[in-house]
């Protein structure tokens, strides 16, 4: 049985940081799908899709200095807040 690919959302606008994350996952041998959001609004869209059940997300990596991050910081007030509770913050 082949394990399913892990689904990661990476909210990051720096291409160098995206490369480093991909490289780290590859070196660890993860079987993964990486959705890269270049701003907070795009990241929020992915999370809302997961909250609605139309997308699976296993891990969210979030750059808090992203463009449009002000809107994304309001996630706790959005319809996705119940979904986000399953992702403990890590700093």
Protein backbone atom coordinates (compact mmCIF):
# COMPACT_ATOMS: atom_id res chain seq x y z
CA UNK A 1 0.00 0.00 0.00
CA UNK A 2 1.42 3.37 -1.02
CA UNK A 3 1.10 6.06 1.64
CA UNK A 4 -0.79 9.13 0.54
CA UNK A 5 1.09 12.31 -0.18
CA UNK A 6 1.17 14.80 2.65
CA UNK A 7 -0.54 18.07 1.72
CA UNK A 8 1.30 21.20 2.83
CA UNK A 9 0.37 24.84 2.41
CA UNK A 10 3.38 27.14 2.42
CA UNK A 11 2.49 30.83 2.68
CA UNK A 12 5.74 32.41 1.52
CA UNK A 13 6.58 35.15 -0.98
CA UNK A 14 10.37 34.65 -0.99
CA UNK A 15 11.40 32.18 -3.75
CA UNK A 16 14.61 31.35 -1.87
CA UNK A 17 12.66 30.28 1.20
CA UNK A 18 10.29 28.21 -0.94
CA UNK A 19 13.32 26.47 -2.44
CA UNK A 20 14.75 25.73 1.03
CA UNK A 21 11.48 24.23 2.26
CA UNK A 22 11.14 22.04 -0.86
CA UNK A 23 14.76 20.95 -0.50
CA UNK A 24 14.28 20.04 3.18
CA UNK A 25 11.16 17.98 2.41
CA UNK A 26 12.95 16.25 -0.47
CA UNK A 27 16.00 15.43 1.66
CA UNK A 28 13.73 13.90 4.30
CA UNK A 29 12.08 11.77 1.63
CA UNK A 30 8.57 13.10 2.13
CA UNK A 31 5.96 12.21 -0.44
CA UNK A 32 4.19 15.55 -0.55
CA UNK A 33 2.18 18.11 -2.45
CA UNK A 34 3.20 21.69 -1.69
CA UNK A 35 0.72 24.48 -2.34
CA UNK A 36 2.58 27.79 -2.31
CA UNK A 37 0.57 30.89 -1.47
CA UNK A 38 2.37 34.13 -2.30
CA UNK A 39 0.20 36.29 -0.03
CA UNK A 40 -2.17 36.02 2.91
CA UNK A 41 -5.31 36.11 0.80
CA UNK A 42 -4.21 33.12 -1.27
CA UNK A 43 -3.28 31.20 1.87
CA UNK A 44 -6.66 32.00 3.38
CA UNK A 45 -8.37 30.67 0.24
CA UNK A 46 -6.58 27.30 0.63
CA UNK A 47 -7.56 27.11 4.30
CA UNK A 48 -11.19 28.00 3.57
CA UNK A 49 -11.31 25.27 0.91
CA UNK A 50 -10.00 22.78 3.48
CA UNK A 51 -12.52 23.99 6.07
CA UNK A 52 -15.28 23.44 3.49
CA UNK A 53 -14.04 19.90 2.86
CA UNK A 54 -12.90 20.48 -0.73
CA UNK A 55 -9.18 20.30 0.04
CA UNK A 56 -7.00 18.28 2.44
CA UNK A 57 -4.25 20.05 4.40
CA UNK A 58 -1.85 18.29 6.78
CA UNK A 59 0.44 21.21 7.63
CA UNK A 60 0.36 24.99 7.24
CA UNK A 61 3.65 26.91 7.19
CA UNK A 62 2.96 30.61 7.43
CA UNK A 63 5.24 33.61 6.90
CA UNK A 64 3.69 36.26 9.13
CA UNK A 65 5.28 39.08 7.09
CA UNK A 66 3.49 38.21 3.87
CA UNK A 67 1.73 40.78 1.69
CA UNK A 68 -1.99 40.83 2.56
CA UNK A 69 -1.21 39.10 5.85
CA UNK A 70 -3.35 41.61 7.74
CA UNK A 71 -6.44 39.99 6.23
CA UNK A 72 -5.13 36.52 6.92
CA UNK A 73 -4.52 37.36 10.59
CA UNK A 74 -8.29 37.62 10.91
CA UNK A 75 -8.64 33.87 10.23
CA UNK A 76 -9.67 33.30 13.81
CA UNK A 77 -12.76 35.37 13.01
CA UNK A 78 -13.43 33.66 9.68
CA UNK A 79 -15.50 30.60 8.91
CA UNK A 80 -12.26 28.62 8.88
CA UNK A 81 -11.51 29.16 12.58
CA UNK A 82 -12.88 25.75 13.66
CA UNK A 83 -10.67 24.09 11.05
CA UNK A 84 -7.55 26.00 12.12
CA UNK A 85 -7.84 24.80 15.73
CA UNK A 86 -6.41 21.44 14.69
CA UNK A 87 -3.13 23.14 13.68
CA UNK A 88 -1.25 24.18 16.82
CA UNK A 89 1.01 27.21 16.29
CA UNK A 90 4.74 26.62 16.36
CA UNK A 91 7.25 29.46 16.45
